[in-house]
Amino acid sequence: MNRFFRSKVATLAVCAIAAVAVAQPAAGQVDPGEISQLESRRDQIINELAQFDVEILDANFGIEELVQLINRREVEIELTGDLIERTVDSRREPASTRVEIALAGYTAGDPRGNALLTEIQTLQGDDTPDRRREFYGAVIEDTQRRLDEIDSELRSLQDELTVDRDRLTSAVTQHSDAVDALNSLGEARTTLALELDDVRRRIDVLKSLENRSVLTGLTTFDDPRRPALAVKIDNVTTARPQSGINDADIVFVEEVEGGLTRLAAVFHSTGAEVVGPVRSMRTGDFDLLAQFNSPLFANSGGNRGSRAALADSTLIDVGASSSPEGYYRDSGRRAPHNLFTNAFNLWAIGAELATATPSPMFTFRTAGEAINASAQPVGGITINYPRSRVEYAWNGNGWDRTQDGSATVDTSGTRTAPTTVIVQFVGYGVSAADARSPEAISVGSGTAWILTDGQMIEAFWRRAGVPDQTEYIDGEGRPIAILPGRTWIELPREDSATPG
């Protein structure tokens, strides 16, 4: 029994101690998955506490049984002692009476002894001296036999008493071990219960800090009051893989000179410590990004016309020209594809420059809600820019992105697979700042394909003015609801994409 208790206590105590050692993120550095981890640990602790309660109950029953066993052993010893005492008393009679009478009468001629023996023999019709001596001998032999029997019984009782005492000692030892094991179980349970209190408090704290991102619909613990941050990111072959693209809430893909593309990554619910390579602005950025309510705008610069247009826009410039302290060159890459920034540093730099937060851009639905009735299953889609080919393939959870035959990954090697892909067909004009630069027309209306949850919805987009947000609606004018998550918005020309 003691080995069982010790083994059980050791196993459960190690689990409890190991669980207590789980690290907790510091304030402001909350892991979005921590609540689910803590809730899982909370449920595990509750189950472990239930196991402890069962083991403690069994241990108490075991201790009660041992107490009863000890009581029985003590009674057995007492009974054996009584038997020994009675047996010793019964020995006194043949030892002190019969032997003395027989010996005294035969050897010392004691009158009372002789008279007794003579009387007995006379009654039996035998008064000869030889018969008297035989009688004396018989009395002595019978007395000695009885003494031997009693001595043998005493030795047996003494052995039995020794066994009883050993059994009592064993029961006492088992009881002591069981009490120690019960105490250890209680201490381990207390430790686990304290951990449960800590886990529950941490869950409460995190839930008090959690917010719902306006751009992704996901839980976030970052500051919901900060402005959106839009970063222009290079997208040519020599600039890939990029950093931070999988942390952005929304990524726009725009056509630029030569039929290539460039990214505008919008951060709000989360940031990234490394973002880039950062590249220059285009005049189409100002209308496109104005819908995020005066966002911070990170870029590597631009020509005179672009800078002038930026100054007249609602975007807040935190680019490399105006805020060089927020950027650095990566010596492992060649210019101009080696300029990087830190989203959190740019938020700090722009803290007093921008105070507005973005408004919700999408309508979100839960996984259990019905998808738009016009949705059709689709395995993927192909988009053809003049000099770049983009493909998306449904993987069961998101849309795996491929560009120019290579999987789109970030610098950590993580595959880019946004929850939702929007193909927003737009027209392109000519930039007033550079006749070679196409400018996406993001105000007005047009057609769109919404890829969500393995389905494609043929929709429309509309945007009344530069300050307004883009709406995505079905044929009856109802907003298209998408699953919470990150979204990539491709901005190709009409008739340049095919599903399948």
Foldseek 3Di string as FASTA:
>chain_A
DLVVLVVVLVVLLVVLVVVLPDDADDPPPHDLCVLVVLVVVLVVLVVSLVVLVVVLVVLVVVLVVLVVVLVVLVVQLVVLVVVLVVLVVVLCCLVPPLLCLLCCCPPVVPVVSVVVLQVVVVVVVDRDPVVSVVVSVVSNVVSVVSNVVSVVVNVVSVVVSVVSVVSSVVSVVVSVSSVVSSVSSVVSSVSSVVSSVVSVVVSVVQVVQWDQALLFRGIANHDQQFAKEKFKADDDPQLPPWPWQQQAQEKEWDAKFPLHIIIIGIHHRDWFQKGHPFAADALLCQLQVLQFPQHEYEHQYDDPVSVVSVVVGSHHYCYCVVPVVQWDFDPVGDPPSGIIGTPVVSSVVCVVVDRGGGHRQAAADAPPDDFPPQKDFFQWKWFDTPPKIWIWGDPQQFTFIDIPRHTRDHPVRHGDGWQKEKEAAFDWDAGPRDRSITHTDPAAKDWMWIDHRRIIATWMWHHHGSNHHIFTAHPVRHGGHHHRTGYYYYYHHPPRMDTD
